[in-house]
Amino acid sequence: MKVLFLAKEFRDGEGVSEYIKNLSEYLVSNGHEATIVSFDDMAEYHIDERVRVQKVPLPFEGDNIYSWAMMMNNELKNRAREIIEADDYDIVHCNDWSTIPGGVSLKKHLELPLAVTIHSTENERGFEGDHAELISELEWQGTFEADRVFVTKEDTKNSVLFDLDVPGEKLKAVDPYSPEWQSRILNTYKEIVKQEEKVIQET
């Protein structure tokens, strides 16, 4: 199993980074491969050397978090596409709205399964700011396009179900503080890839 993660950032101590780090290290420790593609903010990180980390610089500056994230997605997507085309991958896994455009683009253009983890929704965060509606729309699009949606806590599960209208059968709650949470995600990856292979064989 080869998994490519998209992340807005990857640095020691940051919540989403630690989630991706722990999951990636579990994968490589069990004979699988993991690559993390993130924005290069020059932050320090420590991770198992078997995990491939690609930090991508962004030569532009956005005037707000939304425009910056859209430019950043373009750079992440381009680097991820190069990696995937050079060495076949089984699944793309993106995290939160900030990497959903890149993840959806890779799914459509490379015909790869997509997993999305929603760590919190815009509704949970108070739906504030000039781009709140656009961010919520991206969350909806990502969960709609994803083959499977993970959430990390009960409040987020409820928001994804009722605010983003994600079908319950598509959703999996995975508490990163619970035992064997990584194995549950790996098993879900295997289910997704198996389903994808079945669809290809039937077409």
N, C-alpha and C. Protein backbone atom coordinates (compact mmCIF):
# COMPACT_ATOMS: atom_id res chain seq x y z
N MET A 1 0.84 -1.19 0.00
CA MET A 1 0.00 0.00 0.00
C MET A 1 0.88 1.25 0.00
N LYS A 2 0.63 2.15 -0.95
CA LYS A 2 1.36 3.40 -1.03
C LYS A 2 0.38 4.56 -0.86
N VAL A 3 0.63 5.37 0.15
CA VAL A 3 -0.29 6.46 0.49
C VAL A 3 0.44 7.79 0.38
N LEU A 4 -0.20 8.75 -0.28
CA LEU A 4 0.34 10.10 -0.37
C LEU A 4 -0.56 11.05 0.41
N PHE A 5 0.03 11.74 1.38
CA PHE A 5 -0.69 12.70 2.22
C PHE A 5 -0.44 14.12 1.72
N LEU A 6 -1.50 14.92 1.71
CA LEU A 6 -1.38 16.35 1.46
C LEU A 6 -1.64 17.09 2.76
N ALA A 7 -0.77 18.04 3.09
CA ALA A 7 -0.91 18.78 4.35
C ALA A 7 -0.55 20.24 4.12
N LYS A 8 -1.30 21.12 4.77
CA LYS A 8 -1.01 22.56 4.68
C LYS A 8 0.36 22.86 5.26
N GLU A 9 0.72 22.15 6.32
CA GLU A 9 2.01 22.32 6.96
C GLU A 9 2.41 20.99 7.59
N PHE A 10 3.71 20.86 7.88
CA PHE A 10 4.17 19.66 8.57
C PHE A 10 5.30 20.08 9.49
N ARG A 11 4.99 20.09 10.79
CA ARG A 11 5.98 20.54 11.77
C ARG A 11 5.70 19.90 13.12
N ASP A 12 6.71 19.82 13.93
CA ASP A 12 6.58 19.20 15.24
C ASP A 12 5.55 19.93 16.10
N GLY A 13 4.68 19.15 16.76
CA GLY A 13 3.77 19.71 17.74
C GLY A 13 2.44 20.21 17.21
N GLU A 14 2.31 20.41 15.93
CA GLU A 14 1.06 20.89 15.36
C GLU A 14 0.09 19.71 15.20
N GLY A 15 -1.20 19.93 15.54
CA GLY A 15 -2.15 18.83 15.65
C GLY A 15 -2.30 17.96 14.42
N VAL A 16 -2.58 18.56 13.27
CA VAL A 16 -2.77 17.79 12.05
C VAL A 16 -1.46 17.12 11.64
N SER A 17 -0.35 17.82 11.82
CA SER A 17 0.97 17.25 11.50
C SER A 17 1.23 15.98 12.32
N GLU A 18 0.91 16.03 13.61
CA GLU A 18 1.13 14.87 14.47
C GLU A 18 0.24 13.70 14.05
N TYR A 19 -0.97 14.00 13.64
CA TYR A 19 -1.90 12.98 13.14
C TYR A 19 -1.29 12.28 11.91
N ILE A 20 -0.81 13.08 10.97
CA ILE A 20 -0.21 12.52 9.75
C ILE A 20 1.08 11.78 10.07
N LYS A 21 1.87 12.34 10.95
CA LYS A 21 3.13 11.70 11.33
C LYS A 21 2.89 10.32 11.94
N ASN A 22 1.99 10.24 12.91
CA ASN A 22 1.73 8.97 13.56
C ASN A 22 1.17 7.94 12.60
N LEU A 23 0.30 8.38 11.71
CA LEU A 23 -0.28 7.46 10.73
C LEU A 23 0.77 6.99 9.73
N SER A 24 1.61 7.90 9.26
CA SER A 24 2.67 7.55 8.31
C SER A 24 3.67 6.58 8.92
N GLU A 25 4.06 6.84 10.16
CA GLU A 25 5.02 5.96 10.82
C GLU A 25 4.43 4.57 11.06
N TYR A 26 3.15 4.52 11.34
CA TYR A 26 2.49 3.22 11.49
C TYR A 26 2.54 2.46 10.15
N LEU A 27 2.26 3.16 9.06
CA LEU A 27 2.25 2.52 7.75
C LEU A 27 3.61 1.93 7.40
N VAL A 28 4.67 2.72 7.53
CA VAL A 28 5.99 2.22 7.14
C VAL A 28 6.47 1.12 8.09
N SER A 29 6.02 1.16 9.33
CA SER A 29 6.40 0.12 10.29
C SER A 29 5.71 -1.20 9.98
N ASN A 30 4.68 -1.14 9.17
CA ASN A 30 3.94 -2.35 8.80
C ASN A 30 4.12 -2.71 7.33
N GLY A 31 5.22 -2.24 6.75
CA GLY A 31 5.58 -2.66 5.41
C GLY A 31 4.96 -1.89 4.27
N HIS A 32 4.33 -0.77 4.57
CA HIS A 32 3.72 0.05 3.53
C HIS A 32 4.59 1.28 3.27
N GLU A 33 4.16 2.11 2.33
CA GLU A 33 4.92 3.31 1.99
C GLU A 33 4.07 4.55 2.21
N ALA A 34 4.70 5.61 2.67
CA ALA A 34 3.99 6.86 2.93
C ALA A 34 4.83 8.04 2.49
N THR A 35 4.18 8.98 1.81
CA THR A 35 4.81 10.23 1.39
C THR A 35 3.94 11.39 1.85
N ILE A 36 4.58 12.40 2.41
CA ILE A 36 3.89 13.61 2.86
C ILE A 36 4.33 14.77 1.99
N VAL A 37 3.37 15.46 1.39
CA VAL A 37 3.66 16.65 0.59
C VAL A 37 3.01 17.83 1.30
N SER A 38 3.84 18.81 1.69
CA SER A 38 3.31 19.95 2.43
C SER A 38 4.03 21.23 2.02
N PHE A 39 3.44 22.34 2.43
CA PHE A 39 4.07 23.64 2.23
C PHE A 39 5.36 23.73 3.04
N ASP A 40 6.38 24.32 2.44
CA ASP A 40 7.68 24.46 3.11
C ASP A 40 7.72 25.78 3.87
N ASP A 41 7.40 25.69 5.17
CA ASP A 41 7.46 26.89 6.00
C ASP A 41 8.74 26.94 6.82
N MET A 42 9.70 26.07 6.48
CA MET A 42 11.01 26.00 7.13
C MET A 42 10.91 25.54 8.58
N ALA A 43 9.78 25.00 8.98
CA ALA A 43 9.61 24.54 10.36
C ALA A 43 10.34 23.22 10.58
N GLU A 44 10.70 22.99 11.81
CA GLU A 44 11.42 21.76 12.17
C GLU A 44 10.44 20.61 12.34
N TYR A 45 10.85 19.43 11.91
CA TYR A 45 10.04 18.24 12.10
C TYR A 45 10.96 17.03 12.28
N HIS A 46 10.45 16.02 12.98
CA HIS A 46 11.18 14.77 13.17
C HIS A 46 10.23 13.63 12.82
N ILE A 47 10.73 12.68 12.02
CA ILE A 47 9.88 11.58 11.58
C ILE A 47 10.76 10.41 11.17
N ASP A 48 10.20 9.22 11.20
CA ASP A 48 10.88 8.02 10.73
C ASP A 48 11.46 8.26 9.34
N GLU A 49 12.71 7.93 9.15
CA GLU A 49 13.37 8.23 7.88
C GLU A 49 12.78 7.45 6.71
N ARG A 50 12.00 6.42 7.00
CA ARG A 50 11.37 5.67 5.91
C ARG A 50 10.17 6.41 5.31
N VAL A 51 9.68 7.43 6.01
CA VAL A 51 8.60 8.26 5.48
C VAL A 51 9.21 9.34 4.60
N ARG A 52 8.73 9.45 3.40
CA ARG A 52 9.23 10.45 2.45
C ARG A 52 8.50 11.77 2.68
N VAL A 53 9.23 12.83 2.91
CA VAL A 53 8.63 14.15 3.14
C VAL A 53 9.10 15.10 2.04
N GLN A 54 8.15 15.70 1.36
CA GLN A 54 8.44 16.67 0.31
C GLN A 54 7.87 18.02 0.73
N LYS A 55 8.75 18.97 0.98
CA LYS A 55 8.32 20.33 1.34
C LYS A 55 8.36 21.20 0.09
N VAL A 56 7.24 21.86 -0.18
CA VAL A 56 7.10 22.61 -1.42
C VAL A 56 7.06 24.11 -1.12
N PRO A 57 7.98 24.89 -1.69
CA PRO A 57 7.95 26.34 -1.46
C PRO A 57 6.82 26.98 -2.24
N LEU A 58 6.39 28.14 -1.77
CA LEU A 58 5.36 28.89 -2.47
C LEU A 58 5.94 30.25 -2.83
N PRO A 59 6.12 30.51 -4.14
CA PRO A 59 6.78 31.76 -4.54
C PRO A 59 5.87 32.98 -4.52
N PHE A 60 4.63 32.82 -4.06
CA PHE A 60 3.68 33.94 -4.05
C PHE A 60 3.16 34.16 -2.64
N GLU A 61 2.62 35.34 -2.41
CA GLU A 61 1.99 35.65 -1.14
C GLU A 61 0.52 36.02 -1.39
N GLY A 62 -0.37 35.38 -0.63
CA GLY A 62 -1.78 35.72 -0.75
C GLY A 62 -2.13 36.84 0.21
N ASP A 63 -3.17 37.59 -0.11
CA ASP A 63 -3.58 38.68 0.77
C ASP A 63 -4.57 38.22 1.84
N ASN A 64 -4.92 36.92 1.81
CA ASN A 64 -5.77 36.33 2.84
C ASN A 64 -5.54 34.82 2.83
N ILE A 65 -6.02 34.14 3.86
CA ILE A 65 -5.75 32.71 4.01
C ILE A 65 -6.37 31.89 2.88
N TYR A 66 -7.50 32.35 2.35
CA TYR A 66 -8.16 31.59 1.29
C TYR A 66 -7.35 31.63 -0.01
N SER A 67 -6.97 32.83 -0.44
CA SER A 67 -6.20 32.94 -1.69
C SER A 67 -4.84 32.26 -1.54
N TRP A 68 -4.22 32.38 -0.37
CA TRP A 68 -2.95 31.70 -0.13
C TRP A 68 -3.11 30.19 -0.24
N ALA A 69 -4.18 29.66 0.35
CA ALA A 69 -4.41 28.22 0.31
C ALA A 69 -4.64 27.74 -1.11
N MET A 70 -5.32 28.53 -1.94
CA MET A 70 -5.56 28.11 -3.33
C MET A 70 -4.25 28.06 -4.12
N MET A 71 -3.38 29.03 -3.91
CA MET A 71 -2.08 29.01 -4.58
C MET A 71 -1.23 27.86 -4.05
N MET A 72 -1.27 27.66 -2.76
CA MET A 72 -0.52 26.57 -2.15
C MET A 72 -0.98 25.21 -2.68
N ASN A 73 -2.28 25.05 -2.85
CA ASN A 73 -2.81 23.80 -3.38
C ASN A 73 -2.27 23.50 -4.77
N ASN A 74 -2.14 24.52 -5.57
CA ASN A 74 -1.63 24.32 -6.92
C ASN A 74 -0.20 23.78 -6.88
N GLU A 75 0.61 24.32 -5.99
CA GLU A 75 2.00 23.84 -5.88
C GLU A 75 2.05 22.43 -5.31
N LEU A 76 1.26 22.15 -4.30
CA LEU A 76 1.23 20.80 -3.72
C LEU A 76 0.76 19.78 -4.74
N LYS A 77 -0.29 20.14 -5.46
CA LYS A 77 -0.84 19.23 -6.47
C LYS A 77 0.19 18.91 -7.54
N ASN A 78 0.92 19.90 -8.02
CA ASN A 78 1.91 19.67 -9.05
C ASN A 78 3.02 18.75 -8.57
N ARG A 79 3.51 18.98 -7.35
CA ARG A 79 4.56 18.11 -6.82
C ARG A 79 4.02 16.70 -6.59
N ALA A 80 2.83 16.59 -6.03
CA ALA A 80 2.24 15.28 -5.78
C ALA A 80 2.03 14.51 -7.08
N ARG A 81 1.62 15.21 -8.10
CA ARG A 81 1.39 14.54 -9.39
C ARG A 81 2.70 13.98 -9.94
N GLU A 82 3.77 14.74 -9.83
CA GLU A 82 5.08 14.25 -10.28
C GLU A 82 5.47 12.97 -9.53
N ILE A 83 5.25 12.98 -8.23
CA ILE A 83 5.61 11.82 -7.40
C ILE A 83 4.77 10.60 -7.77
N ILE A 84 3.47 10.81 -7.93
CA ILE A 84 2.57 9.69 -8.23
C ILE A 84 2.85 9.12 -9.61
N GLU A 85 3.09 9.98 -10.58
CA GLU A 85 3.34 9.50 -11.94
C GLU A 85 4.68 8.78 -12.05
N ALA A 86 5.62 9.12 -11.19
CA ALA A 86 6.93 8.46 -11.22
C ALA A 86 6.92 7.13 -10.48
N ASP A 87 5.97 6.97 -9.56
CA ASP A 87 5.97 5.78 -8.70
C ASP A 87 4.54 5.55 -8.22
N ASP A 88 3.85 4.63 -8.87
CA ASP A 88 2.41 4.43 -8.64
C ASP A 88 2.02 4.43 -7.17
N TYR A 89 0.96 5.14 -6.86
CA TYR A 89 0.41 5.18 -5.50
C TYR A 89 -1.00 4.60 -5.51
N ASP A 90 -1.45 4.18 -4.33
CA ASP A 90 -2.76 3.55 -4.23
C ASP A 90 -3.86 4.51 -3.81
N ILE A 91 -3.50 5.53 -3.04
CA ILE A 91 -4.53 6.41 -2.48
C ILE A 91 -3.93 7.76 -2.09
N VAL A 92 -4.75 8.80 -2.20
CA VAL A 92 -4.38 10.14 -1.74
C VAL A 92 -5.22 10.45 -0.51
N HIS A 93 -4.59 11.04 0.50
CA HIS A 93 -5.28 11.37 1.75
C HIS A 93 -5.01 12.83 2.07
N CYS A 94 -6.04 13.66 2.01
CA CYS A 94 -5.84 15.08 2.33
C CYS A 94 -6.54 15.41 3.65
N ASN A 95 -6.19 16.55 4.21
CA ASN A 95 -6.63 16.92 5.55
C ASN A 95 -7.20 18.33 5.56
N ASP A 96 -8.48 18.42 5.94
CA ASP A 96 -9.18 19.69 6.07
C ASP A 96 -9.30 20.44 4.75
N TRP A 97 -10.04 21.56 4.79
CA TRP A 97 -10.36 22.30 3.57
C TRP A 97 -9.13 22.79 2.84
N SER A 98 -8.06 23.05 3.57
CA SER A 98 -6.90 23.71 2.99
C SER A 98 -6.16 22.85 1.96
N THR A 99 -6.41 21.54 1.92
CA THR A 99 -5.78 20.71 0.89
C THR A 99 -6.80 19.96 0.04
N ILE A 100 -8.07 20.26 0.24
CA ILE A 100 -9.11 19.56 -0.53
C ILE A 100 -9.02 19.83 -2.04
N PRO A 101 -8.80 21.07 -2.50
CA PRO A 101 -8.73 21.27 -3.96
C PRO A 101 -7.66 20.42 -4.63
N GLY A 102 -6.48 20.32 -4.00
CA GLY A 102 -5.42 19.49 -4.56
C GLY A 102 -5.79 18.02 -4.56
N GLY A 103 -6.39 17.56 -3.46
CA GLY A 103 -6.79 16.16 -3.37
C GLY A 103 -7.84 15.78 -4.39
N VAL A 104 -8.85 16.63 -4.57
CA VAL A 104 -9.91 16.36 -5.54
C VAL A 104 -9.35 16.36 -6.96
N SER A 105 -8.45 17.29 -7.25
CA SER A 105 -7.84 17.35 -8.59
C SER A 105 -7.04 16.09 -8.89
N LEU A 106 -6.27 15.62 -7.93
CA LEU A 106 -5.49 14.40 -8.13
C LEU A 106 -6.40 13.19 -8.33
N LYS A 107 -7.48 13.12 -7.57
CA LYS A 107 -8.43 12.02 -7.71
C LYS A 107 -8.99 11.98 -9.14
N LYS A 108 -9.39 13.14 -9.64
CA LYS A 108 -10.05 13.18 -10.94
C LYS A 108 -9.08 12.96 -12.10
N HIS A 109 -7.90 13.58 -12.03
CA HIS A 109 -6.98 13.50 -13.15
C HIS A 109 -6.17 12.22 -13.18
N LEU A 110 -5.88 11.66 -12.01
CA LEU A 110 -5.08 10.44 -11.94
C LEU A 110 -5.92 9.21 -11.62
N GLU A 111 -7.23 9.42 -11.41
CA GLU A 111 -8.17 8.34 -11.13
C GLU A 111 -7.72 7.50 -9.94
N LEU A 112 -7.40 8.20 -8.86
CA LEU A 112 -6.98 7.55 -7.62
C LEU A 112 -8.07 7.72 -6.56
N PRO A 113 -8.21 6.75 -5.67
CA PRO A 113 -9.14 6.93 -4.54
C PRO A 113 -8.68 8.08 -3.65
N LEU A 114 -9.66 8.72 -3.02
CA LEU A 114 -9.38 9.86 -2.16
C LEU A 114 -9.98 9.65 -0.78
N ALA A 115 -9.15 9.81 0.25
CA ALA A 115 -9.62 9.85 1.63
C ALA A 115 -9.44 11.27 2.14
N VAL A 116 -10.38 11.73 2.94
CA VAL A 116 -10.31 13.07 3.53
C VAL A 116 -10.51 12.96 5.03
N THR A 117 -9.63 13.60 5.80
CA THR A 117 -9.88 13.74 7.24
C THR A 117 -10.31 15.17 7.53
N ILE A 118 -11.46 15.30 8.16
CA ILE A 118 -11.94 16.59 8.62
C ILE A 118 -11.66 16.67 10.11
N HIS A 119 -10.75 17.55 10.50
CA HIS A 119 -10.39 17.70 11.90
C HIS A 119 -11.34 18.68 12.61
N SER A 120 -11.91 19.60 11.85
CA SER A 120 -12.99 20.47 12.34
C SER A 120 -13.63 21.10 11.12
N THR A 121 -14.89 21.50 11.25
CA THR A 121 -15.58 22.14 10.13
C THR A 121 -15.66 23.65 10.36
N GLU A 122 -15.97 24.35 9.29
CA GLU A 122 -16.13 25.80 9.40
C GLU A 122 -17.29 26.14 10.35
N ASN A 123 -18.32 25.33 10.33
CA ASN A 123 -19.43 25.56 11.26
C ASN A 123 -18.97 25.46 12.71
N GLU A 124 -18.13 24.47 13.00
CA GLU A 124 -17.59 24.33 14.36
C GLU A 124 -16.75 25.53 14.75
N ARG A 125 -16.04 26.08 13.80
CA ARG A 125 -15.12 27.19 14.08
C ARG A 125 -15.84 28.53 14.17
N GLY A 126 -17.16 28.52 13.99
CA GLY A 126 -17.94 29.74 14.18
C GLY A 126 -18.38 30.42 12.91
N PHE A 127 -17.99 29.90 11.75
CA PHE A 127 -18.42 30.45 10.46
C PHE A 127 -18.19 31.95 10.39
N GLU A 128 -16.96 32.35 10.73
CA GLU A 128 -16.62 33.76 10.74
C GLU A 128 -15.60 34.07 9.65
N GLY A 129 -15.51 35.30 9.27
CA GLY A 129 -14.52 35.73 8.28
C GLY A 129 -15.13 35.85 6.89
N ASP A 130 -14.44 36.59 6.04
CA ASP A 130 -14.95 36.89 4.71
C ASP A 130 -15.10 35.65 3.82
N HIS A 131 -14.33 34.61 4.10
CA HIS A 131 -14.31 33.45 3.21
C HIS A 131 -14.93 32.20 3.84
N ALA A 132 -15.67 32.40 4.92
CA ALA A 132 -16.25 31.26 5.62
C ALA A 132 -17.16 30.42 4.72
N GLU A 133 -17.97 31.09 3.92
CA GLU A 133 -18.89 30.35 3.05
C GLU A 133 -18.14 29.55 1.99
N LEU A 134 -17.09 30.15 1.43
CA LEU A 134 -16.28 29.44 0.44
C LEU A 134 -15.56 28.24 1.07
N ILE A 135 -15.05 28.41 2.28
CA ILE A 135 -14.36 27.33 2.97
C ILE A 135 -15.34 26.19 3.26
N SER A 136 -16.53 26.52 3.71
CA SER A 136 -17.54 25.50 3.96
C SER A 136 -17.91 24.76 2.68
N GLU A 137 -17.96 25.50 1.59
CA GLU A 137 -18.26 24.87 0.29
C GLU A 137 -17.16 23.90 -0.11
N LEU A 138 -15.92 24.27 0.16
CA LEU A 138 -14.82 23.35 -0.12
C LEU A 138 -14.91 22.10 0.73
N GLU A 139 -15.29 22.26 1.99
CA GLU A 139 -15.47 21.10 2.86
C GLU A 139 -16.54 20.18 2.29
N TRP A 140 -17.62 20.77 1.83
CA TRP A 140 -18.68 19.96 1.23
C TRP A 140 -18.17 19.23 -0.02
N GLN A 141 -17.47 19.97 -0.88
CA GLN A 141 -16.97 19.34 -2.11
C GLN A 141 -16.02 18.19 -1.80
N GLY A 142 -15.12 18.41 -0.83
CA GLY A 142 -14.16 17.37 -0.49
C GLY A 142 -14.82 16.12 0.05
N THR A 143 -15.81 16.31 0.92
CA THR A 143 -16.48 15.14 1.49
C THR A 143 -17.37 14.46 0.45
N PHE A 144 -17.89 15.22 -0.50
CA PHE A 144 -18.69 14.64 -1.58
C PHE A 144 -17.82 13.80 -2.50
N GLU A 145 -16.64 14.31 -2.85
CA GLU A 145 -15.77 13.61 -3.79
C GLU A 145 -15.00 12.46 -3.14
N ALA A 146 -14.81 12.51 -1.83
CA ALA A 146 -13.99 11.50 -1.16
C ALA A 146 -14.64 10.13 -1.20
N ASP A 147 -13.81 9.11 -1.28
CA ASP A 147 -14.30 7.74 -1.17
C ASP A 147 -14.61 7.39 0.28
N ARG A 148 -13.89 8.01 1.21
CA ARG A 148 -14.17 7.83 2.63
C ARG A 148 -13.79 9.09 3.38
N VAL A 149 -14.57 9.45 4.38
CA VAL A 149 -14.33 10.64 5.19
C VAL A 149 -14.07 10.22 6.62
N PHE A 150 -12.92 10.63 7.15
CA PHE A 150 -12.60 10.39 8.55
C PHE A 150 -12.84 11.66 9.35
N VAL A 151 -13.26 11.49 10.59
CA VAL A 151 -13.35 12.61 11.53
C VAL A 151 -12.64 12.19 12.81
N THR A 152 -12.16 13.17 13.55
CA THR A 152 -11.34 12.84 14.71
C THR A 152 -12.03 13.03 16.06
N LYS A 153 -13.27 13.54 16.03
CA LYS A 153 -14.00 13.70 17.29
C LYS A 153 -15.49 13.73 17.03
N GLU A 154 -16.27 13.52 18.08
CA GLU A 154 -17.71 13.35 17.96
C GLU A 154 -18.40 14.62 17.45
N ASP A 155 -17.98 15.80 17.93
CA ASP A 155 -18.61 17.04 17.48
C ASP A 155 -18.43 17.22 15.98
N THR A 156 -17.25 16.89 15.49
CA THR A 156 -16.98 17.02 14.06
C THR A 156 -17.81 16.01 13.27
N LYS A 157 -17.95 14.81 13.81
CA LYS A 157 -18.80 13.81 13.16
C LYS A 157 -20.22 14.35 12.96
N ASN A 158 -20.78 14.94 14.00
CA ASN A 158 -22.14 15.47 13.90
C ASN A 158 -22.23 16.61 12.89
N SER A 159 -21.21 17.47 12.87
CA SER A 159 -21.20 18.58 11.92
C SER A 159 -21.09 18.08 10.49
N VAL A 160 -20.23 17.09 10.28
CA VAL A 160 -20.07 16.53 8.93
C VAL A 160 -21.37 15.86 8.47
N LEU A 161 -22.03 15.17 9.38
CA LEU A 161 -23.29 14.51 9.03
C LEU A 161 -24.39 15.50 8.69
N PHE A 162 -24.55 16.53 9.54
CA PHE A 162 -25.72 17.40 9.42
C PHE A 162 -25.45 18.71 8.68
N ASP A 163 -24.23 19.24 8.78
CA ASP A 163 -23.91 20.48 8.08
C ASP A 163 -23.44 20.23 6.65
N LEU A 164 -22.71 19.12 6.46
CA LEU A 164 -22.16 18.83 5.13
C LEU A 164 -22.91 17.70 4.42
N ASP A 165 -23.90 17.13 5.09
CA ASP A 165 -24.76 16.09 4.48
C ASP A 165 -23.99 14.88 3.98
N VAL A 166 -22.97 14.47 4.71
CA VAL A 166 -22.22 13.27 4.34
C VAL A 166 -23.00 12.03 4.77
N PRO A 167 -23.22 11.07 3.88
CA PRO A 167 -23.93 9.85 4.27
C PRO A 167 -23.17 9.10 5.37
N GLY A 168 -23.90 8.56 6.31
CA GLY A 168 -23.27 7.87 7.44
C GLY A 168 -22.37 6.73 7.03
N GLU A 169 -22.73 6.02 5.95
CA GLU A 169 -21.93 4.87 5.52
C GLU A 169 -20.58 5.28 4.92
N LYS A 170 -20.44 6.54 4.60
CA LYS A 170 -19.20 7.05 4.02
C LYS A 170 -18.25 7.58 5.10
N LEU A 171 -18.76 7.71 6.30
CA LEU A 171 -18.06 8.40 7.38
C LEU A 171 -17.50 7.41 8.39
N LYS A 172 -16.29 7.69 8.85
CA LYS A 172 -15.67 6.85 9.87
C LYS A 172 -15.03 7.75 10.93
N ALA A 173 -15.45 7.57 12.18
CA ALA A 173 -14.86 8.33 13.29
C ALA A 173 -13.63 7.60 13.79
N VAL A 174 -12.52 8.32 13.84
CA VAL A 174 -11.25 7.73 14.29
C VAL A 174 -10.60 8.68 15.28
N ASP A 175 -10.67 8.32 16.54
CA ASP A 175 -10.07 9.13 17.59
C ASP A 175 -8.56 8.84 17.66
N PRO A 176 -7.71 9.82 17.32
CA PRO A 176 -6.26 9.57 17.30
C PRO A 176 -5.64 9.34 18.67
N TYR A 177 -6.46 9.36 19.71
CA TYR A 177 -5.98 9.02 21.05
C TYR A 177 -6.47 7.64 21.50
N SER A 178 -7.19 6.96 20.62
CA SER A 178 -7.71 5.65 20.96
C SER A 178 -6.73 4.56 20.50
N PRO A 179 -6.81 3.36 21.07
CA PRO A 179 -5.91 2.29 20.67
C PRO A 179 -6.19 1.82 19.24
N GLU A 180 -5.12 1.53 18.52
CA GLU A 180 -5.20 0.92 17.19
C GLU A 180 -5.97 1.76 16.17
N TRP A 181 -6.00 3.08 16.37
CA TRP A 181 -6.72 3.91 15.40
C TRP A 181 -6.07 3.87 14.02
N GLN A 182 -4.74 3.74 13.99
CA GLN A 182 -4.06 3.69 12.70
C GLN A 182 -4.45 2.45 11.91
N SER A 183 -4.60 1.32 12.60
CA SER A 183 -4.96 0.08 11.89
C SER A 183 -6.36 0.18 11.29
N ARG A 184 -7.24 0.92 11.94
CA ARG A 184 -8.58 1.11 11.39
C ARG A 184 -8.54 1.91 10.10
N ILE A 185 -7.66 2.90 10.06
CA ILE A 185 -7.52 3.67 8.83
C ILE A 185 -6.90 2.82 7.73
N LEU A 186 -5.87 2.05 8.07
CA LEU A 186 -5.24 1.18 7.08
C LEU A 186 -6.25 0.19 6.51
N ASN A 187 -7.07 -0.40 7.35
CA ASN A 187 -8.08 -1.33 6.87
C ASN A 187 -9.08 -0.64 5.94
N THR A 188 -9.37 0.61 6.24
CA THR A 188 -10.28 1.37 5.38
C THR A 188 -9.62 1.65 4.03
N TYR A 189 -8.33 2.00 4.04
CA TYR A 189 -7.61 2.16 2.78
C TYR A 189 -7.76 0.91 1.91
N LYS A 190 -7.54 -0.24 2.52
CA LYS A 190 -7.61 -1.51 1.78
C LYS A 190 -8.99 -1.73 1.19
N GLU A 191 -10.03 -1.36 1.95
CA GLU A 191 -11.40 -1.50 1.46
C GLU A 191 -11.63 -0.59 0.25
N ILE A 192 -11.15 0.64 0.35
CA ILE A 192 -11.33 1.61 -0.73
C ILE A 192 -10.64 1.13 -2.00
N VAL A 193 -9.38 0.69 -1.87
CA VAL A 193 -8.61 0.24 -3.03
C VAL A 193 -9.25 -0.99 -3.65
N LYS A 194 -9.72 -1.89 -2.82
CA LYS A 194 -10.39 -3.10 -3.33
C LYS A 194 -11.65 -2.74 -4.10
N GLN A 195 -12.42 -1.79 -3.58
CA GLN A 195 -13.63 -1.35 -4.27
C GLN A 195 -13.29 -0.70 -5.61
N GLU A 196 -12.22 0.09 -5.61
CA GLU A 196 -11.79 0.75 -6.85
C GLU A 196 -11.37 -0.27 -7.89
N GLU A 197 -10.64 -1.28 -7.49
CA GLU A 197 -10.21 -2.33 -8.41
C GLU A 197 -11.41 -3.08 -8.98
N LYS A 198 -12.42 -3.29 -8.16
CA LYS A 198 -13.63 -3.98 -8.62
C LYS A 198 -14.35 -3.15 -9.68
N VAL A 199 -14.45 -1.84 -9.44
CA VAL A 199 -15.09 -0.96 -10.41
C VAL A 199 -14.36 -0.98 -11.75
N ILE A 200 -13.03 -0.94 -11.68
CA ILE A 200 -12.22 -0.95 -12.92
C ILE A 200 -12.43 -2.26 -13.69
N GLN A 201 -12.48 -3.37 -12.99
CA GLN A 201 -12.68 -4.67 -13.63
C GLN A 201 -14.05 -4.79 -14.27
N GLU A 202 -15.04 -4.11 -13.70
CA GLU A 202 -16.39 -4.22 -14.22
C GLU A 202 -16.65 -3.28 -15.40
N THR A 203 -15.75 -2.32 -15.62
CA THR A 203 -15.95 -1.36 -16.72
C THR A 203 -15.20 -1.79 -17.96
